[in-house]
């Protein structure tokens, strides 16, 4: 009987200890990279998934928090992927104007993409519908670990996708025309709805005056959705103040949220001319402060305009712009991040999928340093800038008190492309360990299933 009780008791003790330690961890590393600089033999304390203390080797570690000693390692906040449509069951839907979509319904937590991002030291990813749309759906910021979308989610209010660059098979004129028509259709529908609500209200008053019994409208438990004043943008029209959120359909609701200025807009502008069109559209609708430009390298030619607008950009599909000189017929290569930096544009870097080097944010940032971008700017482009653009600057991509307890353990500097990611921790829980990465081991050993 004792042989059965003792293991059970030990199991209970260990289980209780493991439960108490969940989300609690302290790490003392050879180097700790913080927003204020490098701390030698630094200590990071995380309790309940949140950073409680950051300091030197004398930093007190609570008795109920396990301390890990990593004297040869470097600990930093981890990489942040500002914008991607990877990890979805499909990047785009066929509907051109689809503000009713939400990536929550399309993210596949079992996708190899998220596993690869963990392997590369990424702790936060902005997932949003692809660029082959006019108005796409809502994005969200996730960690690359979790069995469900809810468990992965860091924030569900990343914003909405809009494209100035044309859909596949479309011209730019058709793209802009569809955008204008969508808004015109919305405005016409809202004016008709406003007049209907006025007429319905007059009919109700007439019935009241005729002493008719009126059935009270059923309370659905969400009175806020039934309140008028949902439409705040644009000129006044009869009945505008009577329109509630419940009065409009899903497509109309999404467009109203955009035009009300309630959504961050991730605007696809692959060519320099797209920046001009986006600026004109945003100024017309008083939405300039909501824009985040998603661009290709060639947009460096519009750097001064972007800087004048004071809006951030996410550079995707690689940092180099290559064109042929019309006179000499020679290839001219321009390193876009350097041009953006010199113009005073705040930028984030997006990894370039499908290629062994550029599909890592560390490679992108290291290339920036090689080409003359200051190391602090390059590192910010793959850490703090994405967090700021998401509106999560106080929580994500920083080792500081009160921030999420997510970090990466490496055997070198994060800007050294030869550095290896050893461990990844998200909100105080270990989600990746290189020593137990079976797929990676099989690759390194040259074995095939």
Protein backbone atom coordinates (compact mmCIF):
# COMPACT_ATOMS: atom_id res chain seq x y z
CA UNK A 1 0.00 0.00 0.00
CA UNK A 2 2.85 2.40 0.88
CA UNK A 3 4.34 1.87 -2.56
CA UNK A 4 1.15 3.24 -4.03
CA UNK A 5 0.79 6.15 -1.61
CA UNK A 6 4.33 7.51 -1.82
CA UNK A 7 4.38 8.03 -5.61
CA UNK A 8 0.93 9.58 -5.36
CA UNK A 9 2.08 11.98 -2.63
CA UNK A 10 5.19 12.90 -4.58
CA UNK A 11 3.11 13.44 -7.70
CA UNK A 12 0.76 15.71 -5.75
CA UNK A 13 3.66 17.76 -4.37
CA UNK A 14 5.31 18.13 -7.77
CA UNK A 15 1.99 18.97 -9.43
CA UNK A 16 1.26 21.66 -6.84
CA UNK A 17 4.74 23.10 -7.27
CA UNK A 18 4.43 23.11 -11.04
CA UNK A 19 1.06 24.82 -10.78
CA UNK A 20 2.45 27.46 -8.40
CA UNK A 21 5.34 28.13 -10.77
CA UNK A 22 3.17 28.54 -13.86
CA UNK A 23 3.96 31.93 -15.39
CA UNK A 24 6.68 32.50 -12.76
CA UNK A 25 10.34 32.39 -13.77
CA UNK A 26 13.58 34.24 -13.05
CA UNK A 27 16.55 34.23 -15.39
CA UNK A 28 20.06 35.44 -14.72
CA UNK A 29 21.96 35.69 -18.01
CA UNK A 30 25.41 36.76 -19.16
CA UNK A 31 23.77 39.64 -21.02
CA UNK A 32 20.30 41.08 -20.62
CA UNK A 33 19.21 43.46 -23.39
CA UNK A 34 16.81 46.11 -22.05
CA UNK A 35 15.44 49.37 -23.49
CA UNK A 36 18.10 51.21 -21.45
CA UNK A 37 21.01 49.11 -22.66
CA UNK A 38 22.88 45.92 -21.83
CA UNK A 39 23.00 44.61 -18.26
CA UNK A 40 25.90 42.25 -17.60
CA UNK A 41 24.84 39.26 -15.50
CA UNK A 42 21.35 40.72 -15.58
CA UNK A 43 18.35 39.29 -13.77
CA UNK A 44 14.82 39.10 -15.12
CA UNK A 45 11.95 38.20 -12.78
CA UNK A 46 8.53 37.24 -14.15
CA UNK A 47 5.51 36.53 -12.01
CA UNK A 48 2.07 35.65 -13.34
CA UNK A 49 3.30 36.14 -16.91
CA UNK A 50 4.29 39.76 -16.29
CA UNK A 51 7.77 41.19 -15.73
CA UNK A 52 8.14 42.12 -12.07
CA UNK A 53 11.79 43.18 -11.94
CA UNK A 54 14.74 43.83 -14.25
CA UNK A 55 18.19 44.46 -12.83
CA UNK A 56 21.69 43.28 -12.11
CA UNK A 57 22.99 40.15 -10.37
CA UNK A 58 21.90 41.45 -6.95
CA UNK A 59 18.23 41.71 -7.94
CA UNK A 60 16.13 39.84 -5.38
CA UNK A 61 14.38 36.72 -6.61
CA UNK A 62 11.21 35.76 -4.69
CA UNK A 63 11.35 32.43 -2.88
CA UNK A 64 8.49 30.96 -4.94
CA UNK A 65 10.08 31.77 -8.32
CA UNK A 66 12.48 29.32 -9.93
CA UNK A 67 15.84 30.90 -10.87
CA UNK A 68 17.68 29.73 -14.00
CA UNK A 69 21.35 30.56 -14.36
CA UNK A 70 22.47 31.12 -17.99
CA UNK A 71 25.91 32.74 -17.67
CA UNK A 72 26.85 32.20 -21.33
CA UNK A 73 23.55 33.29 -22.86
CA UNK A 74 22.00 36.52 -24.07
CA UNK A 75 18.37 37.28 -23.19
CA UNK A 76 16.34 39.80 -25.15
CA UNK A 77 12.69 40.62 -25.78
CA UNK A 78 12.34 38.54 -28.96
CA UNK A 79 11.48 39.51 -32.51
CA UNK A 80 8.13 40.97 -33.60
CA UNK A 81 6.64 40.42 -37.05
CA UNK A 82 4.67 43.60 -37.75
CA UNK A 83 2.49 42.34 -40.59
CA UNK A 84 1.85 39.00 -42.27
CA UNK A 85 -0.94 36.99 -43.87
CA UNK A 86 0.85 33.70 -43.18
CA UNK A 87 -0.63 31.22 -40.76
CA UNK A 88 -4.12 31.57 -42.28
CA UNK A 89 -6.04 28.87 -44.13
CA UNK A 90 -6.05 31.36 -47.02
CA UNK A 91 -4.47 34.79 -47.30
CA UNK A 92 -7.38 36.48 -49.08
CA UNK A 93 -11.05 35.91 -49.71
CA UNK A 94 -12.49 36.51 -53.18
CA UNK A 95 -14.75 39.37 -52.07
CA UNK A 96 -13.12 42.72 -52.83
CA UNK A 97 -14.83 44.67 -50.04
CA UNK A 98 -14.96 42.45 -46.97
CA UNK A 99 -14.60 44.47 -43.74
CA UNK A 100 -16.79 41.89 -42.00
CA UNK A 101 -13.99 39.28 -42.05
CA UNK A 102 -11.84 38.53 -39.00
CA UNK A 103 -8.60 36.53 -39.05
CA UNK A 104 -9.78 34.90 -35.84
CA UNK A 105 -11.86 32.62 -38.05
CA UNK A 106 -8.95 31.80 -40.35
CA UNK A 107 -5.83 31.42 -38.19
CA UNK A 108 -4.56 27.86 -38.04
CA UNK A 109 -2.66 27.34 -34.75
CA UNK A 110 -1.18 24.08 -36.09
CA UNK A 111 0.41 25.80 -39.10
CA UNK A 112 4.13 25.11 -39.54
CA UNK A 113 4.51 28.86 -40.00
CA UNK A 114 4.10 29.49 -36.28
CA UNK A 115 6.51 26.69 -35.44
CA UNK A 116 9.11 28.23 -37.76
CA UNK A 117 8.61 31.65 -36.19
CA UNK A 118 9.27 30.23 -32.73
CA UNK A 119 12.40 28.58 -34.05
CA UNK A 120 13.56 31.99 -35.27
CA UNK A 121 12.93 33.74 -31.95
CA UNK A 122 9.69 35.54 -32.82
CA UNK A 123 7.32 36.17 -29.88
CA UNK A 124 4.65 38.42 -31.44
CA UNK A 125 3.07 38.46 -34.91
CA UNK A 126 0.57 40.82 -36.50
CA UNK A 127 -1.68 38.59 -38.63
CA UNK A 128 -4.00 40.39 -41.02
CA UNK A 129 -5.70 39.50 -44.34
CA UNK A 130 -3.54 39.74 -47.44
CA UNK A 131 -3.09 42.54 -49.91
CA UNK A 132 -5.26 41.13 -52.70
CA UNK A 133 -8.35 43.07 -51.64
CA UNK A 134 -9.85 46.55 -51.61
CA UNK A 135 -11.05 46.54 -48.02
CA UNK A 136 -10.07 43.39 -46.16
CA UNK A 137 -10.89 42.16 -42.69
CA UNK A 138 -9.71 42.66 -39.15
CA UNK A 139 -6.30 41.51 -37.97
CA UNK A 140 -4.99 40.54 -34.55
CA UNK A 141 -1.66 40.27 -32.77
CA UNK A 142 -0.77 36.75 -31.68
CA UNK A 143 2.06 34.82 -30.17
CA UNK A 144 3.26 31.84 -32.25
CA UNK A 145 2.35 29.38 -29.50
CA UNK A 146 -0.98 28.02 -28.31
CA UNK A 147 -3.53 25.35 -29.15
CA UNK A 148 -6.33 27.83 -29.86
CA UNK A 149 -6.59 31.29 -31.38
CA UNK A 150 -7.75 32.64 -28.02
CA UNK A 151 -4.67 31.24 -26.29
CA UNK A 152 -2.40 32.79 -28.94
CA UNK A 153 -4.03 36.22 -28.95
CA UNK A 154 -2.13 39.16 -27.51
CA UNK A 155 -4.55 41.77 -28.86
CA UNK A 156 -7.62 41.51 -31.11
CA UNK A 157 -7.66 45.17 -32.21
CA UNK A 158 -4.75 45.29 -34.67
CA UNK A 159 -6.87 47.13 -37.23
CA UNK A 160 -8.24 46.64 -40.75
CA UNK A 161 -6.60 46.05 -44.12
CA UNK A 162 -7.11 48.37 -47.07
CA UNK A 163 -5.32 48.26 -50.43
CA UNK A 164 -4.45 51.08 -52.80
CA UNK A 165 -2.25 48.75 -54.83
CA UNK A 166 -4.51 46.82 -57.21
CA UNK A 167 -5.87 43.34 -56.77
CA UNK A 168 -4.53 40.66 -59.09
CA UNK A 169 -5.85 41.36 -62.60
CA UNK A 170 -7.11 44.83 -61.69
CA UNK A 171 -5.79 48.24 -62.69
CA UNK A 172 -5.16 50.98 -60.15
CA UNK A 173 -8.03 53.01 -61.58
CA UNK A 174 -10.39 50.05 -61.05
CA UNK A 175 -9.05 49.61 -57.50
CA UNK A 176 -9.68 53.22 -56.53
CA UNK A 177 -13.05 53.25 -58.30
CA UNK A 178 -14.20 50.23 -56.29
CA UNK A 179 -13.13 51.94 -53.07
CA UNK A 180 -15.05 55.11 -53.95
CA UNK A 181 -18.11 53.13 -55.04
CA UNK A 182 -18.13 51.13 -51.80
CA UNK A 183 -18.21 54.33 -49.77
CA UNK A 184 -20.82 55.93 -52.06
CA UNK A 185 -23.04 52.86 -51.70
CA UNK A 186 -22.65 53.04 -47.94
CA UNK A 187 -23.51 56.74 -47.79
CA UNK A 188 -26.59 56.29 -49.99
CA UNK A 189 -27.77 53.34 -47.89
CA UNK A 190 -27.28 55.30 -44.67
CA UNK A 191 -29.30 58.24 -45.99
CA UNK A 192 -32.15 55.92 -46.98
CA UNK A 193 -31.94 54.25 -43.57
CA UNK A 194 -31.97 57.60 -41.78
CA UNK A 195 -35.15 58.67 -43.59
CA UNK A 196 -36.77 55.30 -42.82
CA UNK A 197 -36.00 55.69 -39.12
CA UNK A 198 -37.56 59.16 -39.18
CA UNK A 199 -40.68 57.80 -40.89
CA UNK A 200 -40.88 54.89 -38.43
CA UNK A 201 -40.55 57.29 -35.53
CA UNK A 202 -43.35 59.49 -36.90
CA UNK A 203 -45.54 56.43 -37.40
CA UNK A 204 -44.91 55.38 -33.80
CA UNK A 205 -45.87 58.83 -32.54
CA UNK A 206 -49.03 58.79 -34.66
CA UNK A 207 -50.01 55.46 -33.12
CA UNK A 208 -49.32 56.76 -29.64
CA UNK A 209 -51.53 59.74 -30.35
CA UNK A 210 -54.22 57.34 -31.53
CA UNK A 211 -53.87 55.50 -28.18
CA UNK A 212 -52.86 52.29 -29.87
CA UNK A 213 -51.14 49.66 -27.77
CA UNK A 214 -47.53 49.41 -28.72
CA UNK A 215 -45.53 46.27 -28.13
CA UNK A 216 -42.31 47.16 -26.36
CA UNK A 217 -39.18 46.35 -28.28
CA UNK A 218 -37.50 43.27 -26.85
CA UNK A 219 -34.35 43.99 -24.87
CA UNK A 220 -31.52 41.93 -26.36
CA UNK A 221 -29.26 42.68 -23.42
CA UNK A 222 -27.01 45.02 -25.36
CA UNK A 223 -28.62 48.43 -25.28
CA UNK A 224 -25.46 50.19 -26.41
CA UNK A 225 -25.84 48.62 -29.85
CA UNK A 226 -29.36 50.05 -30.03
CA UNK A 227 -28.39 53.64 -29.29
CA UNK A 228 -28.40 56.19 -32.09
CA UNK A 229 -25.36 58.20 -33.11
CA UNK A 230 -23.35 55.26 -34.47
CA UNK A 231 -22.47 57.20 -37.66
CA UNK A 232 -20.17 60.08 -36.70
CA UNK A 233 -18.25 60.82 -39.91
CA UNK A 234 -19.21 63.08 -42.79
CA UNK A 235 -21.95 65.64 -43.25
CA UNK A 236 -25.24 65.52 -41.42
CA UNK A 237 -28.36 64.16 -43.11
CA UNK A 238 -31.91 63.53 -41.91
CA UNK A 239 -32.04 60.70 -39.41
CA UNK A 240 -28.25 60.33 -39.05
CA UNK A 241 -28.42 60.69 -35.27
CA UNK A 242 -31.02 57.89 -35.09
CA UNK A 243 -28.85 55.19 -36.72
CA UNK A 244 -27.56 52.61 -34.26
CA UNK A 245 -25.02 49.83 -34.72
CA UNK A 246 -27.83 47.29 -34.86
CA UNK A 247 -29.46 49.09 -37.79
CA UNK A 248 -26.65 48.31 -40.26
CA UNK A 249 -25.37 45.03 -41.71
CA UNK A 250 -21.88 43.59 -41.23
CA UNK A 251 -20.33 45.19 -44.32
CA UNK A 252 -21.79 48.60 -43.54
CA UNK A 253 -20.74 48.34 -39.89
CA UNK A 254 -17.11 47.66 -40.81
CA UNK A 255 -16.96 50.58 -43.25
CA UNK A 256 -18.61 52.92 -40.74
CA UNK A 257 -16.03 51.92 -38.13
CA UNK A 258 -13.26 52.77 -40.62
CA UNK A 259 -14.76 56.12 -41.64
CA UNK A 260 -15.55 56.99 -38.02
CA UNK A 261 -11.81 56.71 -37.37
CA UNK A 262 -12.21 53.79 -34.98
CA UNK A 263 -9.84 51.46 -36.87
CA UNK A 264 -6.12 51.47 -37.52
CA UNK A 265 -5.74 51.11 -41.31
CA UNK A 266 -2.96 48.94 -42.74
CA UNK A 267 -2.77 50.32 -46.28
CA UNK A 268 -1.07 48.29 -49.01
CA UNK A 269 0.97 50.67 -51.18
CA UNK A 270 3.49 48.67 -53.26
CA UNK A 271 4.41 51.59 -55.57
CA UNK A 272 5.45 55.20 -54.79
CA UNK A 273 2.37 56.59 -56.58
CA UNK A 274 0.15 54.60 -54.21
CA UNK A 275 1.36 56.78 -51.34
CA UNK A 276 -0.02 59.87 -53.08
CA UNK A 277 -3.39 58.22 -53.69
CA UNK A 278 -3.52 56.99 -50.08
CA UNK A 279 -2.68 60.45 -48.76
CA UNK A 280 -5.37 62.11 -50.85
CA UNK A 281 -7.98 59.55 -49.81
CA UNK A 282 -7.02 59.79 -46.12
CA UNK A 283 -7.05 63.59 -46.13
CA UNK A 284 -10.48 63.60 -47.79
CA UNK A 285 -11.85 61.39 -45.01
CA UNK A 286 -9.72 62.88 -42.20
CA UNK A 287 -8.06 59.54 -41.49
CA UNK A 288 -4.38 60.36 -42.00
CA UNK A 289 -3.52 59.66 -38.35
CA UNK A 290 -4.91 56.12 -38.68
CA UNK A 291 -2.63 54.98 -41.51
CA UNK A 292 0.15 52.40 -41.41
CA UNK A 293 1.71 51.94 -44.83
CA UNK A 294 2.62 48.42 -45.95
CA UNK A 295 5.13 48.90 -48.75
CA UNK A 296 7.70 47.37 -51.05
CA UNK A 297 11.26 48.63 -51.37
CA UNK A 298 10.52 50.90 -54.36
CA UNK A 299 8.39 53.16 -52.17
CA UNK A 300 11.62 54.70 -50.82
CA UNK A 301 11.11 57.20 -53.67
CA UNK A 302 8.15 58.60 -51.71
CA UNK A 303 10.11 58.78 -48.44
CA UNK A 304 9.83 62.55 -48.13
CA UNK A 305 6.04 62.46 -48.51
CA UNK A 306 5.75 59.67 -45.93
CA UNK A 307 7.97 61.61 -43.53
CA UNK A 308 5.85 64.71 -44.09
CA UNK A 309 2.74 62.73 -43.16
CA UNK A 310 4.50 61.35 -40.09
CA UNK A 311 3.18 57.82 -40.62
CA UNK A 312 5.06 54.55 -40.03
CA UNK A 313 5.70 51.95 -42.70
CA UNK A 314 6.18 48.19 -42.75
CA UNK A 315 8.64 47.14 -45.44
CA UNK A 316 7.83 43.70 -46.87
CA UNK A 317 9.18 41.53 -49.70
CA UNK A 318 12.82 42.40 -49.10
CA UNK A 319 14.89 45.54 -48.44
CA UNK A 320 16.46 46.00 -51.87
CA UNK A 321 14.94 47.95 -54.75
CA UNK A 322 16.40 46.95 -58.11
CA UNK A 323 15.71 48.84 -61.33
CA UNK A 324 17.38 49.22 -64.71
CA UNK A 325 18.87 52.58 -65.64
CA UNK A 326 17.05 53.66 -68.85
CA UNK A 327 20.23 55.17 -70.28
CA UNK A 328 23.00 52.74 -69.31
CA UNK A 329 20.76 49.67 -68.99
CA UNK A 330 22.67 48.77 -65.85
CA UNK A 331 20.99 47.50 -62.71
CA UNK A 332 20.75 50.05 -59.93
CA UNK A 333 20.28 48.69 -56.41
CA UNK A 334 18.95 50.90 -53.62
CA UNK A 335 18.76 49.82 -49.99
CA UNK A 336 15.30 51.07 -49.00
CA UNK A 337 15.63 50.97 -45.16
CA UNK A 338 18.59 53.36 -45.29
CA UNK A 339 16.65 55.79 -47.50
CA UNK A 340 13.66 55.62 -45.17
CA UNK A 341 15.84 56.21 -42.13
CA UNK A 342 17.63 59.15 -43.73
CA UNK A 343 14.24 60.71 -44.55
CA UNK A 344 13.11 60.36 -40.93
CA UNK A 345 10.53 57.65 -41.58
CA UNK A 346 9.82 55.21 -38.75
CA UNK A 347 9.82 51.73 -40.26
CA UNK A 348 9.36 48.10 -39.32
CA UNK A 349 10.79 45.19 -41.26
CA UNK A 350 8.76 42.24 -42.45
CA UNK A 351 10.44 38.92 -43.15
CA UNK A 352 10.59 37.68 -46.72
CA UNK A 353 9.08 34.23 -46.89
CA UNK A 354 10.35 31.43 -49.08
CA UNK A 355 14.07 32.25 -48.91
CA UNK A 356 16.54 30.79 -46.44
CA UNK A 357 18.16 34.06 -45.38
CA UNK A 358 15.54 36.78 -45.75
CA UNK A 359 12.85 34.74 -44.03
CA UNK A 360 14.40 35.68 -40.70
CA UNK A 361 13.92 39.06 -39.06
CA UNK A 362 17.43 38.79 -37.64
CA UNK A 363 18.83 38.64 -41.18
CA UNK A 364 16.83 41.69 -42.22
CA UNK A 365 18.02 43.72 -39.22
CA UNK A 366 21.65 42.57 -39.58
CA UNK A 367 21.63 43.55 -43.26
CA UNK A 368 20.41 47.02 -42.25
CA UNK A 369 23.43 47.44 -39.97
CA UNK A 370 25.77 46.27 -42.71
CA UNK A 371 24.30 48.84 -45.11
CA UNK A 372 24.67 51.78 -42.71
CA UNK A 373 21.48 51.85 -40.63
CA UNK A 374 22.29 52.40 -36.92
CA UNK A 375 22.09 49.17 -34.92
CA UNK A 376 19.51 50.65 -32.52
CA UNK A 377 17.24 51.58 -35.44
CA UNK A 378 17.65 48.18 -37.07
CA UNK A 379 16.83 46.31 -33.87
CA UNK A 380 13.85 48.58 -33.18
CA UNK A 381 12.49 47.77 -36.66
CA UNK A 382 12.02 44.15 -35.61
CA UNK A 383 11.06 44.70 -31.96
CA UNK A 384 9.74 47.98 -30.54
CA UNK A 385 8.42 49.63 -33.72
CA UNK A 386 5.96 46.80 -34.49
CA UNK A 387 4.77 46.93 -30.88
CA UNK A 388 4.24 50.69 -31.07
CA UNK A 389 2.40 50.43 -34.37
CA UNK A 390 0.09 47.80 -32.86
CA UNK A 391 -0.58 50.10 -29.93
CA UNK A 392 1.15 47.65 -27.57
CA UNK A 393 4.35 49.57 -26.91
CA UNK A 394 4.00 49.27 -23.13
CA UNK A 395 3.38 45.51 -23.20
CA UNK A 396 5.24 43.83 -26.02
CA UNK A 397 8.87 43.73 -27.22
CA UNK A 398 10.46 45.24 -24.14
CA UNK A 399 12.12 43.85 -21.05
CA UNK A 400 10.75 46.29 -18.50
CA UNK A 401 8.57 46.17 -15.41
CA UNK A 402 4.91 45.69 -16.24
CA UNK A 403 5.51 44.31 -19.74
CA UNK A 404 4.55 40.83 -20.87
CA UNK A 405 7.01 38.24 -19.60
CA UNK A 406 8.14 37.08 -23.05
CA UNK A 407 11.79 36.68 -23.97
CA UNK A 408 14.26 34.73 -26.09
CA UNK A 409 17.48 33.04 -24.99
CA UNK A 410 20.30 33.10 -27.56
CA UNK A 411 23.96 32.10 -27.62
CA UNK A 412 24.95 35.47 -29.14
CA UNK A 413 23.82 38.93 -30.19
CA UNK A 414 20.34 39.03 -31.81
CA UNK A 415 21.83 41.00 -34.73
CA UNK A 416 24.40 38.26 -35.34
CA UNK A 417 22.80 36.03 -37.95
CA UNK A 418 24.94 33.14 -36.70
CA UNK A 419 23.45 33.40 -33.21
CA UNK A 420 21.25 30.45 -32.27
CA UNK A 421 17.88 30.64 -30.58
CA UNK A 422 18.08 28.28 -27.62
CA UNK A 423 14.77 28.91 -25.87
CA UNK A 424 11.61 30.99 -26.26
CA UNK A 425 9.39 31.98 -23.34
CA UNK A 426 6.00 33.65 -23.71
CA UNK A 427 4.27 35.23 -20.72
CA UNK A 428 6.43 33.27 -18.31
CA UNK A 429 5.97 29.88 -19.96
CA UNK A 430 8.53 28.03 -22.04
CA UNK A 431 7.19 27.35 -25.54
CA UNK A 432 10.37 26.38 -27.40
CA UNK A 433 13.54 24.48 -26.52
CA UNK A 434 16.07 23.87 -29.27
CA UNK A 435 17.36 20.73 -27.53
CA UNK A 436 13.96 19.06 -27.93
CA UNK A 437 13.15 20.41 -31.40
CA UNK A 438 12.68 17.08 -33.14
CA UNK A 439 12.15 18.46 -36.62
CA UNK A 440 15.28 20.56 -36.40
CA UNK A 441 17.31 17.65 -35.08
CA UNK A 442 16.19 15.47 -37.96
CA UNK A 443 17.21 18.21 -40.40
CA UNK A 444 20.61 18.68 -38.80
CA UNK A 445 21.21 14.94 -38.71
CA UNK A 446 20.16 14.55 -42.33
CA UNK A 447 17.44 12.04 -41.47
CA UNK A 448 14.16 11.70 -43.33
CA UNK A 449 10.95 10.12 -42.14
